Protein backbone atom coordinates (compact mmCIF):
# COMPACT_ATOMS: atom_id res chain seq x y z
CA UNK A 1 -9.86 18.90 40.34
CA UNK A 2 -8.12 20.58 36.89
CA UNK A 3 -8.78 19.33 33.66
CA UNK A 4 -6.01 17.39 32.16
CA UNK A 5 -6.95 18.83 28.30
CA UNK A 6 -5.94 22.66 29.61
CA UNK A 7 -9.52 23.80 29.04
CA UNK A 8 -9.99 27.16 29.92
CA UNK A 9 -12.45 29.50 28.69
CA UNK A 10 -12.81 33.70 29.18
CA UNK A 11 -16.19 35.28 28.79
CA UNK A 12 -17.42 38.00 27.95
CA UNK A 13 -18.42 39.93 30.87
CA UNK A 14 -21.05 41.52 29.25
CA UNK A 15 -22.66 37.80 28.79
CA UNK A 16 -22.46 36.80 32.21
CA UNK A 17 -25.72 38.12 33.40
CA UNK A 18 -27.77 38.33 36.64
CA UNK A 19 -30.59 35.79 35.38
CA UNK A 20 -29.08 34.02 32.49
CA UNK A 21 -25.94 33.96 30.18
CA UNK A 22 -26.31 36.59 27.01
CA UNK A 23 -24.66 37.81 23.98
CA UNK A 24 -24.91 38.61 19.89
CA UNK A 25 -24.04 35.94 18.51
CA UNK A 26 -20.92 36.39 16.51
CA UNK A 27 -19.74 39.37 18.31
CA UNK A 28 -20.22 38.69 22.54
CA UNK A 29 -21.38 34.97 22.12
CA UNK A 30 -19.57 31.66 19.84
CA UNK A 31 -20.29 28.55 19.61
CA UNK A 32 -17.13 28.23 21.58
CA UNK A 33 -18.70 29.71 24.80
CA UNK A 34 -21.78 27.67 24.23
CA UNK A 35 -19.20 24.63 24.88
CA UNK A 36 -17.61 26.02 27.89
CA UNK A 37 -20.54 26.58 28.95
CA UNK A 38 -21.67 22.81 29.04
CA UNK A 39 -18.40 21.63 29.90
CA UNK A 40 -18.06 23.97 33.41
CA UNK A 41 -22.03 23.19 34.25
CA UNK A 42 -21.47 19.96 33.68
CA UNK A 43 -18.49 20.03 36.09
CA UNK A 44 -20.73 22.00 38.07
CA UNK A 45 -23.78 19.25 38.35
CA UNK A 46 -20.95 16.60 38.79
CA UNK A 47 -20.10 18.04 41.91
CA UNK A 48 -23.24 18.10 43.40
CA UNK A 49 -23.28 13.90 42.55
CA UNK A 50 -25.41 14.55 39.25
CA UNK A 51 -25.24 13.17 35.99
CA UNK A 52 -28.56 13.55 34.19
CA UNK A 53 -28.62 17.23 31.88
CA UNK A 54 -31.74 18.18 29.87
CA UNK A 55 -31.09 20.73 27.21
CA UNK A 56 -33.62 22.49 24.80
CA UNK A 57 -33.61 25.57 22.52
CA UNK A 58 -35.88 27.80 20.99
CA UNK A 59 -36.51 28.90 16.92
CA UNK A 60 -33.85 31.31 16.63
CA UNK A 61 -31.74 30.61 13.19
CA UNK A 62 -28.56 30.09 16.15
CA UNK A 63 -30.09 27.82 18.60
CA UNK A 64 -29.26 24.58 17.01
CA UNK A 65 -25.35 24.83 16.80
CA UNK A 66 -25.89 26.03 19.89
CA UNK A 67 -27.16 23.54 21.21
CA UNK A 68 -24.85 21.51 20.00
CA UNK A 69 -22.12 22.86 20.99
CA UNK A 70 -23.95 22.75 24.80
CA UNK A 71 -24.40 19.05 24.65
CA UNK A 72 -21.14 18.60 23.45
CA UNK A 73 -19.67 20.22 26.00
CA UNK A 74 -21.62 18.58 28.76
CA UNK A 75 -21.12 15.43 27.41
CA UNK A 76 -17.21 15.76 27.87
CA UNK A 77 -17.70 16.45 31.31
CA UNK A 78 -19.60 12.87 30.93
CA UNK A 79 -23.38 13.89 31.74
CA UNK A 80 -26.39 11.71 30.40
CA UNK A 81 -27.87 14.33 28.15
CA UNK A 82 -31.33 14.23 26.88
CA UNK A 83 -31.60 16.61 24.13
CA UNK A 84 -35.64 17.38 23.76
CA UNK A 85 -34.90 19.38 20.26
CA UNK A 86 -36.85 22.68 19.42
CA UNK A 87 -39.40 23.73 21.55
CA UNK A 88 -40.82 26.60 24.19
CA UNK A 89 -38.37 27.29 27.61
CA UNK A 90 -41.46 26.25 29.98
CA UNK A 91 -41.43 22.49 28.17
CA UNK A 92 -37.64 21.97 29.05
CA UNK A 93 -38.64 23.31 33.15
CA UNK A 94 -41.13 20.54 32.54
CA UNK A 95 -39.43 17.76 31.04
CA UNK A 96 -36.27 18.31 33.46
CA UNK A 97 -38.60 18.58 36.81
CA UNK A 98 -40.50 15.21 35.78
CA UNK A 99 -37.40 13.31 34.69
CA UNK A 100 -36.05 14.44 38.19
CA UNK A 101 -33.00 16.08 36.01
CA UNK A 102 -29.40 16.80 37.86
CA UNK A 103 -29.63 19.91 35.28
CA UNK A 104 -30.83 21.76 32.47
CA UNK A 105 -29.52 24.42 30.06
CA UNK A 106 -31.99 26.17 27.28
CA UNK A 107 -30.76 28.03 24.36
CA UNK A 108 -32.52 30.87 24.15
CA UNK A 109 -32.34 34.62 23.18
CA UNK A 110 -35.96 34.99 24.64
CA UNK A 111 -37.68 38.44 24.08
CA UNK A 112 -34.20 40.04 22.16
CA UNK A 113 -33.39 41.10 18.81
CA UNK A 114 -32.94 37.95 16.33
CA UNK A 115 -29.17 38.41 16.10
CA UNK A 116 -28.94 38.20 19.71
CA UNK A 117 -28.80 34.45 21.80
CA UNK A 118 -28.55 32.94 25.42
CA UNK A 119 -28.32 30.10 27.80
CA UNK A 120 -30.82 29.57 30.83
CA UNK A 121 -29.60 26.84 33.00
CA UNK A 122 -31.78 24.77 36.34
CA UNK A 123 -29.68 23.36 39.05
CA UNK A 124 -31.97 20.17 40.07
CA UNK A 125 -34.85 21.93 40.67
CA UNK A 126 -33.72 25.73 41.46
CA UNK A 127 -33.10 28.36 38.54
CA UNK A 128 -29.56 28.95 38.50
CA UNK A 129 -28.85 32.59 38.38
CA UNK A 130 -26.42 35.84 40.03
CA UNK A 131 -24.12 34.04 41.76
CA UNK A 132 -23.35 31.23 40.15
CA UNK A 133 -23.47 32.10 37.20
CA UNK A 134 -20.61 34.90 37.67
CA UNK A 135 -18.66 31.19 39.38
CA UNK A 136 -18.83 29.66 36.28
CA UNK A 137 -17.36 32.02 34.73
CA UNK A 138 -14.84 31.81 36.92
CA UNK A 139 -14.20 28.17 36.86
CA UNK A 140 -13.64 28.64 33.15
CA UNK A 141 -11.03 31.10 33.79
CA UNK A 142 -9.52 28.68 35.64
CA UNK A 143 -10.06 25.61 33.80
CA UNK A 144 -11.16 24.38 37.09
CA UNK A 145 -13.46 21.66 35.42
CA UNK A 146 -14.01 17.80 35.83
CA UNK A 147 -11.30 15.79 33.82
CA UNK A 148 -12.82 14.60 30.34
CA UNK A 149 -15.56 11.96 30.60
CA UNK A 150 -17.77 9.79 28.57
CA UNK A 151 -21.22 11.60 28.36
CA UNK A 152 -24.20 10.44 26.04
CA UNK A 153 -26.87 11.69 24.20
CA UNK A 154 -30.28 10.83 23.69
CA UNK A 155 -32.65 12.46 21.80
CA UNK A 156 -36.40 12.73 23.02
CA UNK A 157 -39.84 14.18 22.18
CA UNK A 158 -41.47 15.59 25.43
CA UNK A 159 -44.34 17.45 23.18
CA UNK A 160 -47.37 14.61 23.59
CA UNK A 161 -46.59 14.19 27.44
CA UNK A 162 -45.98 17.94 27.41
CA UNK A 163 -48.96 19.23 25.91
CA UNK A 164 -51.14 16.16 27.99
CA UNK A 165 -50.24 17.89 31.18
CA UNK A 166 -51.62 20.97 29.96
CA UNK A 167 -54.86 20.20 29.25
CA UNK A 168 -55.14 17.92 32.50
CA UNK A 169 -55.17 21.76 34.27
CA UNK A 170 -58.31 22.85 30.97
CA UNK A 171 -61.73 23.25 33.39
CA UNK A 172 -63.68 23.87 30.57
CA UNK A 173 -67.46 25.54 31.57
CA UNK A 174 -70.36 26.49 29.10
CA UNK A 175 -68.36 29.44 27.73
CA UNK A 176 -67.07 28.60 24.27
CA UNK A 177 -64.79 30.96 23.73
CA UNK A 178 -63.37 32.93 20.58
CA UNK A 179 -59.65 33.31 21.40
CA UNK A 180 -56.70 34.69 18.97
CA UNK A 181 -53.39 33.83 19.77
CA UNK A 182 -50.34 35.12 19.07
CA UNK A 183 -46.95 33.47 19.10
CA UNK A 184 -44.77 35.68 17.30
CA UNK A 185 -42.91 33.10 14.96
CA UNK A 186 -41.46 32.29 18.46
CA UNK A 187 -40.59 28.41 20.43
CA UNK A 188 -44.23 28.31 21.46
CA UNK A 189 -45.73 28.19 17.62
CA UNK A 190 -46.08 24.30 17.02
CA UNK A 191 -47.26 24.12 20.82
CA UNK A 192 -50.03 26.35 20.70
CA UNK A 193 -51.22 24.75 17.03
CA UNK A 194 -51.59 21.65 18.59
CA UNK A 195 -52.58 22.54 22.32
CA UNK A 196 -55.48 25.38 20.46
CA UNK A 197 -56.93 21.91 18.29
CA UNK A 198 -57.47 20.11 21.93
CA UNK A 199 -59.81 23.35 23.35
CA UNK A 200 -63.30 23.71 22.29
CA UNK A 201 -64.21 27.29 21.31
CA UNK A 202 -63.20 29.19 18.19
CA UNK A 203 -59.22 29.28 17.81
CA UNK A 204 -56.97 31.66 15.47
CA UNK A 205 -53.53 31.43 16.27
CA UNK A 206 -51.26 33.91 14.14
CA UNK A 207 -46.99 33.84 13.24
CA UNK A 208 -47.89 30.19 15.01
CA UNK A 209 -44.73 28.88 12.03
CA UNK A 210 -41.72 28.75 13.89
CA UNK A 211 -39.23 31.61 11.99
CA UNK A 212 -35.94 32.94 14.17
CA UNK A 213 -36.60 35.88 11.99
CA UNK A 214 -39.36 37.27 13.73
CA UNK A 215 -41.04 38.58 10.59
CA UNK A 216 -44.13 39.68 12.00
CA UNK A 217 -43.04 41.54 14.78
CA UNK A 218 -40.68 41.49 17.93
CA UNK A 219 -41.64 38.64 20.22
CA UNK A 220 -41.86 40.98 23.21
CA UNK A 221 -45.87 41.12 24.56
CA UNK A 222 -44.86 43.60 27.08
CA UNK A 223 -44.31 46.28 24.19
CA UNK A 224 -47.39 47.91 22.61
CA UNK A 225 -46.71 48.11 19.39
CA UNK A 226 -45.87 44.33 19.39
CA UNK A 227 -49.05 43.69 20.32
CA UNK A 228 -50.87 45.48 17.14
CA UNK A 229 -51.69 42.74 14.73
CA UNK A 230 -53.11 40.78 17.76
CA UNK A 231 -55.50 43.32 18.78
CA UNK A 232 -56.50 43.83 15.49
CA UNK A 233 -57.76 40.50 14.42
CA UNK A 234 -59.47 40.48 18.08
CA UNK A 235 -61.34 43.17 17.16
CA UNK A 236 -61.85 40.99 13.26
CA UNK A 237 -62.85 38.21 14.79
CA UNK A 238 -65.18 39.30 17.59
CA UNK A 239 -63.12 37.69 20.03
CA UNK A 240 -63.45 37.36 23.96
CA UNK A 241 -59.85 37.21 24.39
CA UNK A 242 -56.27 37.49 22.59
CA UNK A 243 -52.92 36.06 23.97
CA UNK A 244 -49.40 36.62 23.31
CA UNK A 245 -46.38 34.55 23.90
CA UNK A 246 -42.74 36.13 24.12
CA UNK A 247 -39.70 34.44 21.69
CA UNK A 248 -39.78 31.74 24.27
CA UNK A 249 -42.81 31.49 25.73
CA UNK A 250 -42.39 32.13 29.56
CA UNK A 251 -43.89 35.53 29.33
CA UNK A 252 -47.30 36.25 28.52
CA UNK A 253 -49.32 39.67 26.97
CA UNK A 254 -53.55 39.59 26.93
CA UNK A 255 -55.53 41.77 24.84
CA UNK A 256 -59.11 42.30 26.04
CA UNK A 257 -62.22 42.16 24.08
CA UNK A 258 -62.69 45.52 23.29
CA UNK A 259 -58.99 45.79 21.61
CA UNK A 260 -57.71 47.34 25.05
CA UNK A 261 -53.94 45.43 26.65
CA UNK A 262 -54.13 44.56 30.07
CA UNK A 263 -50.69 44.40 31.95
CA UNK A 264 -48.88 41.66 33.58
CA UNK A 265 -50.22 43.07 37.29
CA UNK A 266 -54.18 43.50 35.81
CA UNK A 267 -54.09 40.38 35.03
CA UNK A 268 -52.73 38.93 37.95
CA UNK A 269 -56.09 40.60 39.74
CA UNK A 270 -58.29 37.69 37.92
CA UNK A 271 -55.84 34.57 38.30
CA UNK A 272 -55.37 35.60 42.33
CA UNK A 273 -58.43 35.68 42.94
CA UNK A 274 -59.33 31.99 41.31
CA UNK A 275 -56.40 30.47 43.11
CA UNK A 276 -57.07 32.07 46.69
CA UNK A 277 -60.92 30.73 45.61
CA UNK A 278 -59.28 27.34 46.33
CA UNK A 279 -57.04 28.42 48.98
CA UNK A 280 -58.20 31.11 50.78
CA UNK A 281 -55.28 33.36 52.44
CA UNK A 282 -52.14 32.58 50.69
CA UNK A 283 -50.00 34.83 49.94
CA UNK A 284 -49.43 35.72 46.30
CA UNK A 285 -46.43 37.77 45.12
CA UNK A 286 -45.97 40.41 43.13
CA UNK A 287 -42.97 42.21 41.91
CA UNK A 288 -42.58 45.75 42.97
CA UNK A 289 -43.33 47.01 39.77
CA UNK A 290 -46.65 46.34 40.19
CA UNK A 291 -49.79 49.04 40.68
CA UNK A 292 -50.98 48.82 44.41
CA UNK A 293 -54.23 47.74 42.93
CA UNK A 294 -52.75 44.48 42.82
CA UNK A 295 -51.89 44.61 46.43
CA UNK A 296 -55.07 46.23 47.39
CA UNK A 297 -56.91 43.60 45.24
CA UNK A 298 -55.36 40.35 46.42
CA UNK A 299 -55.86 41.59 50.10
CA UNK A 300 -59.73 42.76 49.21
CA UNK A 301 -60.39 38.61 47.50
CA UNK A 302 -58.38 37.46 51.12
CA UNK A 303 -55.15 36.39 50.22
CA UNK A 304 -51.68 37.67 51.71
CA UNK A 305 -49.90 40.00 49.58
CA UNK A 306 -46.36 40.03 49.16
CA UNK A 307 -44.30 42.62 47.22
CA UNK A 308 -40.45 41.15 46.55
CA UNK A 309 -37.63 42.21 44.29
CA UNK A 310 -37.95 42.02 40.25
CA UNK A 311 -36.72 39.20 38.49
CA UNK A 312 -38.15 35.19 37.42
CA UNK A 313 -35.20 33.86 39.18
CA UNK A 314 -36.17 35.34 42.58
CA UNK A 315 -39.73 35.41 42.28
CA UNK A 316 -38.75 31.29 41.92
CA UNK A 317 -36.55 31.37 45.05
CA UNK A 318 -39.12 33.18 47.09
CA UNK A 319 -42.39 31.22 46.38
CA UNK A 320 -40.40 27.64 47.37
CA UNK A 321 -39.64 29.45 50.63
CA UNK A 322 -42.79 30.67 50.78
CA UNK A 323 -45.05 27.91 49.64
CA UNK A 324 -46.94 30.77 47.70
CA UNK A 325 -49.75 29.12 45.24
CA UNK A 326 -48.50 31.98 42.95
CA UNK A 327 -46.73 34.82 41.76
CA UNK A 328 -46.48 37.69 38.71
CA UNK A 329 -44.38 40.49 37.69
CA UNK A 330 -45.21 43.20 35.22
CA UNK A 331 -43.20 41.72 32.61
CA UNK A 332 -45.64 39.17 32.70
CA UNK A 333 -43.61 35.77 33.78
CA UNK A 334 -46.59 34.19 35.62
CA UNK A 335 -45.84 31.89 38.49
CA UNK A 336 -48.33 28.91 39.31
CA UNK A 337 -47.49 26.29 41.98
CA UNK A 338 -50.90 25.67 42.71
CA UNK A 339 -51.29 22.46 40.28
CA UNK A 340 -48.15 23.36 38.66
CA UNK A 341 -44.57 23.35 39.24
CA UNK A 342 -43.72 26.67 40.46
CA UNK A 343 -42.24 27.87 37.97
CA UNK A 344 -43.03 30.54 34.95
CA UNK A 345 -45.34 29.20 32.15
CA UNK A 346 -46.91 31.47 29.50
CA UNK A 347 -49.35 29.16 27.66
CA UNK A 348 -49.97 27.06 31.00
CA UNK A 349 -50.30 30.82 32.38
CA UNK A 350 -53.15 30.77 29.33
CA UNK A 351 -55.14 27.92 29.61
CA UNK A 352 -55.56 29.18 34.07
CA UNK A 353 -56.55 32.57 32.32
CA UNK A 354 -59.00 30.66 30.01
CA UNK A 355 -60.63 28.78 32.86
CA UNK A 356 -61.08 32.43 34.92
CA UNK A 357 -62.41 33.91 32.33
CA UNK A 358 -65.17 31.09 31.78
CA UNK A 359 -65.91 30.83 35.99
CA UNK A 360 -65.66 34.97 36.12
CA UNK A 361 -68.94 34.99 33.61
CA UNK A 362 -68.10 38.39 33.04
CA UNK A 363 -66.40 39.81 29.47
CA UNK A 364 -62.44 40.45 29.97
CA UNK A 365 -62.99 44.22 29.51
CA UNK A 366 -65.88 43.87 32.06
CA UNK A 367 -63.33 42.79 34.52
CA UNK A 368 -60.27 45.19 33.33
CA UNK A 369 -62.93 48.49 33.86
CA UNK A 370 -64.13 46.72 37.80
CA UNK A 371 -60.75 47.76 38.91
CA UNK A 372 -59.59 50.69 40.13
CA UNK A 373 -59.01 53.13 37.54
CA UNK A 374 -55.50 55.02 38.55
CA UNK A 375 -53.02 56.80 36.02
CA UNK A 376 -49.02 55.71 36.15
CA UNK A 377 -45.95 55.70 34.16
CA UNK A 378 -44.61 52.87 32.18
CA UNK A 379 -41.41 51.94 32.73
CA UNK A 380 -39.36 54.08 32.87
CA UNK A 381 -35.52 53.92 31.54
CA UNK A 382 -32.41 56.21 32.77
CA UNK A 383 -29.15 55.68 31.70
CA UNK A 384 -26.63 55.35 34.47
CA UNK A 385 -23.30 53.95 34.71
CA UNK A 386 -23.05 49.90 35.86
CA UNK A 387 -20.42 51.01 38.75
CA UNK A 388 -22.84 53.86 39.41
CA UNK A 389 -26.75 52.73 39.43
CA UNK A 390 -26.25 51.16 43.32
CA UNK A 391 -24.90 53.96 44.51
CA UNK A 392 -27.62 56.38 43.13
CA UNK A 393 -30.49 53.79 44.57
CA UNK A 394 -28.43 53.88 48.34
CA UNK A 395 -28.19 57.94 47.94
CA UNK A 396 -31.75 58.50 47.09
CA UNK A 397 -32.48 55.67 49.47
CA UNK A 398 -30.52 57.91 52.11
CA UNK A 399 -31.98 61.19 51.97
CA UNK A 400 -35.85 59.73 52.14
CA UNK A 401 -35.20 58.26 55.26
CA UNK A 402 -33.70 61.37 56.87
CA UNK A 403 -36.68 63.13 55.10
CA UNK A 404 -38.90 60.20 57.04
CA UNK A 405 -40.20 59.09 53.73
CA UNK A 406 -42.53 56.24 53.82
CA UNK A 407 -40.51 53.73 51.90
CA UNK A 408 -40.26 50.19 50.98
CA UNK A 409 -36.19 48.91 50.42
CA UNK A 410 -37.48 45.24 48.78
CA UNK A 411 -35.54 45.86 45.55
CA UNK A 412 -34.35 49.70 45.13
CA UNK A 413 -36.66 52.38 46.70
CA UNK A 414 -40.84 52.65 46.38
CA UNK A 415 -41.84 55.52 48.11
CA UNK A 416 -45.90 55.90 49.04
CA UNK A 417 -47.41 58.97 49.46
CA UNK A 418 -51.27 60.55 49.78
CA UNK A 419 -50.61 60.47 45.76
CA UNK A 420 -50.04 57.47 45.31
CA UNK A 421 -46.51 55.99 45.08
CA UNK A 422 -43.22 55.47 42.80
CA UNK A 423 -40.34 53.44 42.69
CA UNK A 424 -36.22 53.64 41.50
CA UNK A 425 -34.36 50.68 40.85
CA UNK A 426 -31.09 49.46 39.43
CA UNK A 427 -31.66 47.19 36.67
CA UNK A 428 -30.08 43.48 37.59
CA UNK A 429 -29.29 43.30 33.53
CA UNK A 430 -28.36 46.57 32.30
CA UNK A 431 -26.33 49.75 33.09
CA UNK A 432 -29.92 51.72 33.45
CA UNK A 433 -32.09 52.94 36.47
CA UNK A 434 -35.66 51.49 36.35
CA UNK A 435 -38.27 54.06 37.67
CA UNK A 436 -42.09 53.85 37.90
CA UNK A 437 -45.00 56.59 39.22
CA UNK A 438 -48.84 55.87 39.80
CA UNK A 439 -51.49 58.11 41.00
CA UNK A 440 -54.83 58.01 41.74
CA UNK A 441 -54.72 61.41 39.37
CA UNK A 442 -52.83 63.52 37.06
CA UNK A 443 -52.05 66.34 39.08
CA UNK A 444 -50.79 63.45 41.62
CA UNK A 445 -48.66 61.72 39.20
CA UNK A 446 -47.14 65.52 38.07
CA UNK A 447 -46.19 65.70 42.05
CA UNK A 448 -44.82 62.33 41.84
CA UNK A 449 -43.03 62.38 39.26
CA UNK A 450 -41.49 66.00 39.83
CA UNK A 451 -40.19 64.40 43.47
CA UNK A 452 -38.57 61.53 41.52
CA UNK A 453 -36.73 64.46 39.40
CA UNK A 454 -35.59 66.09 42.03
CA UNK A 455 -34.17 63.16 43.76
CA UNK A 456 -31.99 61.77 40.71
CA UNK A 457 -30.98 65.64 40.34
CA UNK A 458 -29.64 65.36 43.94
CA UNK A 459 -27.50 62.25 43.08
CA UNK A 460 -26.08 64.75 39.32
CA UNK A 461 -29.24 62.37 37.11
CA UNK A 462 -31.15 64.95 34.30
CA UNK A 463 -34.17 62.56 33.84
CA UNK A 464 -36.92 62.94 30.88
CA UNK A 465 -40.09 62.37 31.60
CA UNK A 466 -41.52 63.00 28.38
CA UNK A 467 -44.56 60.87 26.91
CA UNK A 468 -44.37 59.03 30.72
CA UNK A 469 -48.05 59.00 31.09
CA UNK A 470 -50.44 55.90 31.09
CA UNK A 471 -53.56 55.31 32.47
CA UNK A 472 -54.50 51.18 34.28
């Protein structure tokens, strides 16, 4: 059915990404795009028999106007919109889930620079991604939307309910933890400031003011530079742990009591042990970039490890399919279906981390040091043309199979040797190839990087590995 008002809209191809719609405000993303997203997504909800959509936004300077525009598009499609205002992405997921909304739209640029913005969506209780985003683009271009209707907008503050639900799973304990939180001027600021008032122990919140210019540092806790302020505060306060969030609080970063950074696959071990104590034998999912240490530790704790594709939408879908109570990614997306709703919520993950630390009776640094020590590269990224990146991975896989190598092709190629493992995959969101390698020794890591380099060279790429070592 086509709209009688002559609506049609062409999105820049670069904005329709694998997991969200995202662009640079005023260049590749405008309020007209936001309206078109609302108009088209609302039509897709209507065609599934739905009529209720929940909308939220982060603290970026452009988010209020983008939210107004997307709501206008939803209303024009006949949707009954619940506008929950500014807050973290997981608060929107929560609001949409408990209200059993037919769809949800979060206006957020996530961890990207301040001049970016974007949209994360849910259709029913499932992530809206991949082919669905491409379909939205095609429907908008064709003007293939429902006839204009009269929707409605209701503003609703869900923060009290969300906070109360977060606190339901706080289990306390005898230890009065000293915690430093860094919300990075992102959308978690107000919620976390209120949350810590209800928690026992000592709490300091850095950069709690929501400020879309991100004056303190970039809101991405996977980059060590962005954690320097938190590390310094943990050391100065003699804190037990430091907790950081990205711009919309669906990713978490952790710093231990000595100021050392724990990577996503390290603190997932802590959480996995905790969940497996209550769910013996349960499946725990992690992405292909995670350390072998994590998969081994899950198995040692009596769990069933599953290596799966990178991408929060892909992980959420796999959790729903398998019934796994916990999953995580190297990037700091942590997903609980144990007591929670199966979506990635960094604030909820923080509560569960503190519970686990309380229960363990040991310091976070003692936990970190107890893990098998390996040497690995950070995530390595090599520019590779969009139309070539998947071809390169396929060529490498074919050569490895011919050589009889031990290869997992869950997401790209992950190759296991006596030295350790290396990974090569095509990014779903950028024109790059992503690689990692991990070994038990420096010599082993050098050999793995040499194999990776020779495979890339055989496909016409010349990678630069300078500075590509770290230990954890």
